[in-house]
């Protein structure tokens, strides 16, 4: 049987309870995504957490570029000769530039 915590009576108690719930939700979200929690001391950088997040971003960018390239490669010759194809290829190239700089992030 679970016990229900007492209802906070003062503004300070309600705010403390809210902050506690917020911290628990944030920790659960980070754990769900496999990202390490922030350090306890706020002025200590969370480099392991940030580096992992940046690696995940780089992986997602590479996946997106690969899907876009597959889409481009499967189009008809007529489409490949169009201005839309040229614009699409430019976007793929721009995305590749971001990916090329990703190792500098971590």
N, C-alpha and C. Protein backbone atom coordinates (compact mmCIF):
# COMPACT_ATOMS: atom_id res chain seq x y z
N UNK A 1 0.85 -1.17 0.00
CA UNK A 1 0.00 0.00 0.00
C UNK A 1 0.90 1.23 0.00
N UNK A 2 0.62 2.18 -0.90
CA UNK A 2 1.43 3.39 -0.97
C UNK A 2 0.84 4.47 -0.07
N UNK A 3 1.74 5.30 0.39
CA UNK A 3 1.29 6.41 1.23
C UNK A 3 1.29 7.67 0.40
N UNK A 4 0.29 8.47 0.59
CA UNK A 4 0.17 9.74 -0.12
C UNK A 4 0.87 10.81 0.71
N UNK A 5 1.81 11.55 0.07
CA UNK A 5 2.50 12.59 0.84
C UNK A 5 1.50 13.67 1.27
N UNK A 6 1.80 14.30 2.39
CA UNK A 6 0.89 15.35 2.86
C UNK A 6 0.84 16.52 1.87
N UNK A 7 -0.27 17.15 1.79
CA UNK A 7 -0.44 18.31 0.91
C UNK A 7 0.31 19.49 1.51
N UNK A 8 1.22 20.12 0.70
CA UNK A 8 1.94 21.28 1.24
C UNK A 8 0.97 22.39 1.65
N UNK A 9 1.27 23.02 2.76
CA UNK A 9 0.37 24.04 3.29
C UNK A 9 0.81 25.47 2.95
N UNK A 10 2.09 25.70 2.86
CA UNK A 10 2.57 27.06 2.60
C UNK A 10 3.07 27.18 1.17
N UNK A 11 3.23 28.41 0.72
CA UNK A 11 3.79 28.63 -0.63
C UNK A 11 5.17 28.02 -0.76
N UNK A 12 5.99 28.16 0.26
CA UNK A 12 7.34 27.62 0.23
C UNK A 12 7.30 26.09 0.10
N UNK A 13 6.39 25.45 0.80
CA UNK A 13 6.28 23.99 0.72
C UNK A 13 5.79 23.56 -0.66
N UNK A 14 4.84 24.30 -1.22
CA UNK A 14 4.34 23.98 -2.55
C UNK A 14 5.45 24.15 -3.60
N UNK A 15 6.23 25.23 -3.47
CA UNK A 15 7.32 25.46 -4.42
C UNK A 15 8.39 24.38 -4.30
N UNK A 16 8.71 23.99 -3.06
CA UNK A 16 9.70 22.94 -2.85
C UNK A 16 9.21 21.62 -3.45
N UNK A 17 7.93 21.32 -3.27
CA UNK A 17 7.37 20.09 -3.83
C UNK A 17 7.40 20.14 -5.36
N UNK A 18 7.08 21.29 -5.93
CA UNK A 18 7.13 21.46 -7.39
C UNK A 18 8.55 21.25 -7.92
N UNK A 19 9.53 21.88 -7.27
CA UNK A 19 10.92 21.74 -7.70
C UNK A 19 11.38 20.28 -7.61
N UNK A 20 10.96 19.59 -6.57
CA UNK A 20 11.31 18.19 -6.39
C UNK A 20 10.71 17.34 -7.53
N UNK A 21 9.44 17.57 -7.86
CA UNK A 21 8.80 16.84 -8.96
C UNK A 21 9.47 17.15 -10.29
N UNK A 22 9.82 18.41 -10.50
CA UNK A 22 10.48 18.82 -11.73
C UNK A 22 11.84 18.11 -11.89
N UNK A 23 12.62 18.07 -10.81
CA UNK A 23 13.91 17.38 -10.85
C UNK A 23 13.73 15.90 -11.16
N UNK A 24 12.72 15.28 -10.56
CA UNK A 24 12.47 13.86 -10.80
C UNK A 24 12.08 13.61 -12.26
N UNK A 25 11.24 14.47 -12.83
CA UNK A 25 10.83 14.33 -14.22
C UNK A 25 12.02 14.52 -15.17
N UNK A 26 12.86 15.52 -14.87
CA UNK A 26 14.03 15.76 -15.72
C UNK A 26 15.00 14.58 -15.66
N UNK A 27 15.21 14.05 -14.46
CA UNK A 27 16.11 12.90 -14.31
C UNK A 27 15.56 11.69 -15.07
N UNK A 28 14.25 11.48 -14.99
CA UNK A 28 13.63 10.35 -15.70
C UNK A 28 13.77 10.51 -17.21
N UNK A 29 13.59 11.73 -17.71
CA UNK A 29 13.71 11.99 -19.15
C UNK A 29 15.14 11.73 -19.61
N UNK A 30 16.12 12.21 -18.85
CA UNK A 30 17.53 11.98 -19.22
C UNK A 30 17.86 10.50 -19.20
N UNK A 31 17.39 9.79 -18.17
CA UNK A 31 17.66 8.36 -18.05
C UNK A 31 17.03 7.60 -19.21
N UNK A 32 15.84 8.00 -19.60
CA UNK A 32 15.13 7.35 -20.72
C UNK A 32 15.92 7.50 -22.01
N UNK A 33 16.57 8.64 -22.20
CA UNK A 33 17.34 8.89 -23.40
C UNK A 33 18.78 8.40 -23.29
N UNK A 34 19.16 7.89 -22.13
CA UNK A 34 20.52 7.39 -21.94
C UNK A 34 21.56 8.48 -21.78
N UNK A 35 21.12 9.67 -21.39
CA UNK A 35 22.04 10.79 -21.21
C UNK A 35 22.37 10.91 -19.72
N UNK A 36 23.65 10.97 -19.37
CA UNK A 36 23.99 11.11 -17.96
C UNK A 36 23.39 12.37 -17.35
N UNK A 37 23.08 12.31 -16.07
CA UNK A 37 22.51 13.45 -15.36
C UNK A 37 23.53 14.58 -15.24
N UNK A 38 23.03 15.78 -15.07
CA UNK A 38 23.90 16.93 -14.84
C UNK A 38 24.64 16.77 -13.52
N UNK A 39 25.82 17.36 -13.39
CA UNK A 39 26.52 17.28 -12.12
C UNK A 39 25.75 18.00 -11.02
N UNK A 40 25.97 17.59 -9.79
CA UNK A 40 25.26 18.17 -8.65
C UNK A 40 25.61 19.65 -8.47
N UNK A 41 26.87 19.98 -8.69
CA UNK A 41 27.31 21.36 -8.54
C UNK A 41 27.09 22.07 -9.87
N UNK A 42 26.34 23.16 -9.84
CA UNK A 42 25.94 23.84 -11.07
C UNK A 42 27.11 24.44 -11.85
N UNK A 43 28.19 24.79 -11.19
CA UNK A 43 29.29 25.43 -11.91
C UNK A 43 30.29 24.42 -12.47
N UNK A 44 29.99 23.12 -12.35
CA UNK A 44 30.82 22.09 -12.95
C UNK A 44 30.19 21.73 -14.29
N UNK A 45 30.99 21.75 -15.34
CA UNK A 45 30.46 21.48 -16.68
C UNK A 45 30.00 20.04 -16.79
N UNK A 46 28.93 19.83 -17.51
CA UNK A 46 28.40 18.49 -17.74
C UNK A 46 28.93 17.92 -19.03
N UNK A 47 30.26 17.91 -19.22
CA UNK A 47 30.86 17.52 -20.49
C UNK A 47 30.48 16.11 -20.93
N UNK A 48 30.48 15.12 -20.07
CA UNK A 48 30.07 13.79 -20.55
C UNK A 48 28.65 13.81 -21.13
N UNK A 49 27.76 14.51 -20.47
CA UNK A 49 26.38 14.61 -20.93
C UNK A 49 26.31 15.36 -22.25
N UNK A 50 27.00 16.47 -22.33
CA UNK A 50 26.97 17.30 -23.54
C UNK A 50 27.62 16.56 -24.72
N UNK A 51 28.74 15.89 -24.46
CA UNK A 51 29.42 15.15 -25.53
C UNK A 51 28.52 14.04 -26.07
N UNK A 52 27.84 13.33 -25.18
CA UNK A 52 26.96 12.26 -25.63
C UNK A 52 25.82 12.85 -26.47
N UNK A 53 25.25 13.95 -26.02
CA UNK A 53 24.17 14.59 -26.77
C UNK A 53 24.67 15.02 -28.15
N UNK A 54 25.86 15.56 -28.24
CA UNK A 54 26.40 16.00 -29.52
C UNK A 54 26.67 14.80 -30.44
N UNK A 55 27.13 13.68 -29.88
CA UNK A 55 27.33 12.48 -30.69
C UNK A 55 25.99 11.98 -31.23
N UNK A 56 24.95 12.06 -30.41
CA UNK A 56 23.62 11.65 -30.87
C UNK A 56 23.13 12.56 -31.99
N UNK A 57 23.40 13.85 -31.86
CA UNK A 57 23.02 14.79 -32.91
C UNK A 57 23.76 14.46 -34.21
N UNK A 58 25.05 14.19 -34.11
CA UNK A 58 25.85 13.86 -35.29
C UNK A 58 25.33 12.58 -35.95
N UNK A 59 24.96 11.58 -35.15
CA UNK A 59 24.42 10.34 -35.70
C UNK A 59 23.09 10.59 -36.42
N UNK A 60 22.25 11.43 -35.82
CA UNK A 60 20.96 11.74 -36.44
C UNK A 60 21.15 12.52 -37.75
N UNK A 61 22.11 13.44 -37.76
CA UNK A 61 22.41 14.18 -38.99
C UNK A 61 22.88 13.23 -40.09
N UNK A 62 23.73 12.28 -39.73
CA UNK A 62 24.23 11.32 -40.72
C UNK A 62 23.10 10.44 -41.24
N UNK A 63 22.23 10.01 -40.37
CA UNK A 63 21.07 9.21 -40.78
C UNK A 63 20.18 10.01 -41.73
N UNK A 64 19.94 11.26 -41.39
CA UNK A 64 19.11 12.12 -42.23
C UNK A 64 19.76 12.34 -43.60
N UNK A 65 21.06 12.59 -43.62
CA UNK A 65 21.76 12.79 -44.89
C UNK A 65 21.67 11.53 -45.75
N UNK A 66 21.84 10.38 -45.14
CA UNK A 66 21.77 9.11 -45.86
C UNK A 66 20.37 8.90 -46.47
N UNK A 67 19.34 9.20 -45.71
CA UNK A 67 17.97 9.06 -46.22
C UNK A 67 17.71 10.04 -47.36
N UNK A 68 18.21 11.27 -47.20
CA UNK A 68 18.03 12.27 -48.26
C UNK A 68 18.76 11.84 -49.53
N UNK A 69 19.97 11.29 -49.38
CA UNK A 69 20.74 10.85 -50.54
C UNK A 69 20.04 9.69 -51.23
N UNK A 70 19.48 8.77 -50.47
CA UNK A 70 18.73 7.65 -51.06
C UNK A 70 17.52 8.16 -51.83
N UNK A 71 16.83 9.12 -51.24
CA UNK A 71 15.67 9.72 -51.91
C UNK A 71 16.11 10.35 -53.24
N UNK A 72 17.20 11.10 -53.18
CA UNK A 72 17.72 11.78 -54.37
C UNK A 72 18.10 10.76 -55.45
N UNK A 73 18.79 9.70 -55.04
CA UNK A 73 19.27 8.69 -56.00
C UNK A 73 18.13 7.92 -56.66
N UNK A 74 16.99 7.84 -56.02
CA UNK A 74 15.86 7.07 -56.55
C UNK A 74 14.95 7.88 -57.48
N UNK A 75 15.21 9.17 -57.64
CA UNK A 75 14.36 10.01 -58.48
C UNK A 75 14.64 9.76 -59.96
N UNK A 76 13.71 10.17 -60.78
CA UNK A 76 13.81 10.00 -62.24
C UNK A 76 14.85 10.96 -62.81
N UNK A 77 15.27 10.62 -64.04
CA UNK A 77 16.23 11.49 -64.74
C UNK A 77 15.63 12.87 -64.94
N UNK A 78 14.36 12.91 -65.24
CA UNK A 78 13.69 14.19 -65.46
C UNK A 78 13.77 15.06 -64.20
N UNK A 79 13.50 14.45 -63.05
CA UNK A 79 13.56 15.20 -61.79
C UNK A 79 14.99 15.62 -61.50
N UNK A 80 15.94 14.74 -61.76
CA UNK A 80 17.35 15.05 -61.48
C UNK A 80 17.85 16.24 -62.30
N UNK A 81 17.22 16.48 -63.44
CA UNK A 81 17.61 17.62 -64.28
C UNK A 81 16.89 18.91 -63.88
N UNK A 82 16.02 18.85 -62.87
CA UNK A 82 15.23 20.01 -62.50
C UNK A 82 15.95 20.89 -61.47
N UNK A 83 15.39 22.07 -61.31
CA UNK A 83 15.92 23.01 -60.31
C UNK A 83 15.68 22.47 -58.89
N UNK A 84 14.57 21.75 -58.70
CA UNK A 84 14.27 21.16 -57.39
C UNK A 84 15.37 20.19 -56.98
N UNK A 85 15.87 19.41 -57.94
CA UNK A 85 16.94 18.46 -57.65
C UNK A 85 18.22 19.21 -57.26
N UNK A 86 18.49 20.29 -57.95
CA UNK A 86 19.68 21.08 -57.64
C UNK A 86 19.59 21.66 -56.22
N UNK A 87 18.43 22.20 -55.88
CA UNK A 87 18.22 22.74 -54.53
C UNK A 87 18.34 21.64 -53.49
N UNK A 88 17.77 20.48 -53.79
CA UNK A 88 17.83 19.35 -52.87
C UNK A 88 19.28 18.91 -52.65
N UNK A 89 20.07 18.84 -53.72
CA UNK A 89 21.47 18.45 -53.59
C UNK A 89 22.26 19.47 -52.78
N UNK A 90 21.93 20.75 -52.95
CA UNK A 90 22.59 21.78 -52.14
C UNK A 90 22.31 21.58 -50.66
N UNK A 91 21.09 21.19 -50.33
CA UNK A 91 20.75 20.93 -48.92
C UNK A 91 21.51 19.73 -48.39
N UNK A 92 21.64 18.71 -49.22
CA UNK A 92 22.43 17.54 -48.81
C UNK A 92 23.87 17.95 -48.56
N UNK A 93 24.42 18.78 -49.43
CA UNK A 93 25.80 19.25 -49.28
C UNK A 93 25.97 20.08 -48.01
N UNK A 94 25.00 20.94 -47.72
CA UNK A 94 25.06 21.74 -46.49
C UNK A 94 25.01 20.84 -45.26
N UNK A 95 24.16 19.84 -45.31
CA UNK A 95 24.07 18.90 -44.20
C UNK A 95 25.40 18.16 -44.02
N UNK A 96 26.02 17.80 -45.12
CA UNK A 96 27.32 17.12 -45.05
C UNK A 96 28.37 18.01 -44.39
N UNK A 97 28.30 19.31 -44.63
CA UNK A 97 29.24 20.23 -43.98
C UNK A 97 29.07 20.20 -42.46
N UNK A 98 27.81 20.18 -41.99
CA UNK A 98 27.57 20.06 -40.55
C UNK A 98 28.18 18.76 -40.02
N UNK A 99 27.95 17.68 -40.75
CA UNK A 99 28.46 16.38 -40.32
C UNK A 99 29.98 16.39 -40.27
N UNK A 100 30.60 17.03 -41.25
CA UNK A 100 32.07 17.09 -41.27
C UNK A 100 32.63 17.83 -40.06
N UNK A 101 31.87 18.77 -39.52
CA UNK A 101 32.34 19.52 -38.36
C UNK A 101 31.97 18.86 -37.04
N UNK A 102 31.16 17.83 -37.08
CA UNK A 102 30.70 17.16 -35.85
C UNK A 102 31.84 16.67 -34.96
N UNK A 103 32.92 16.10 -35.49
CA UNK A 103 33.99 15.65 -34.60
C UNK A 103 34.61 16.79 -33.77
N UNK A 104 34.49 18.02 -34.24
CA UNK A 104 35.03 19.16 -33.51
C UNK A 104 34.20 19.48 -32.27
N UNK A 105 32.96 18.98 -32.22
CA UNK A 105 32.05 19.29 -31.11
C UNK A 105 32.45 18.58 -29.83
N UNK A 106 33.01 17.37 -29.94
CA UNK A 106 33.28 16.57 -28.73
C UNK A 106 34.75 16.50 -28.42
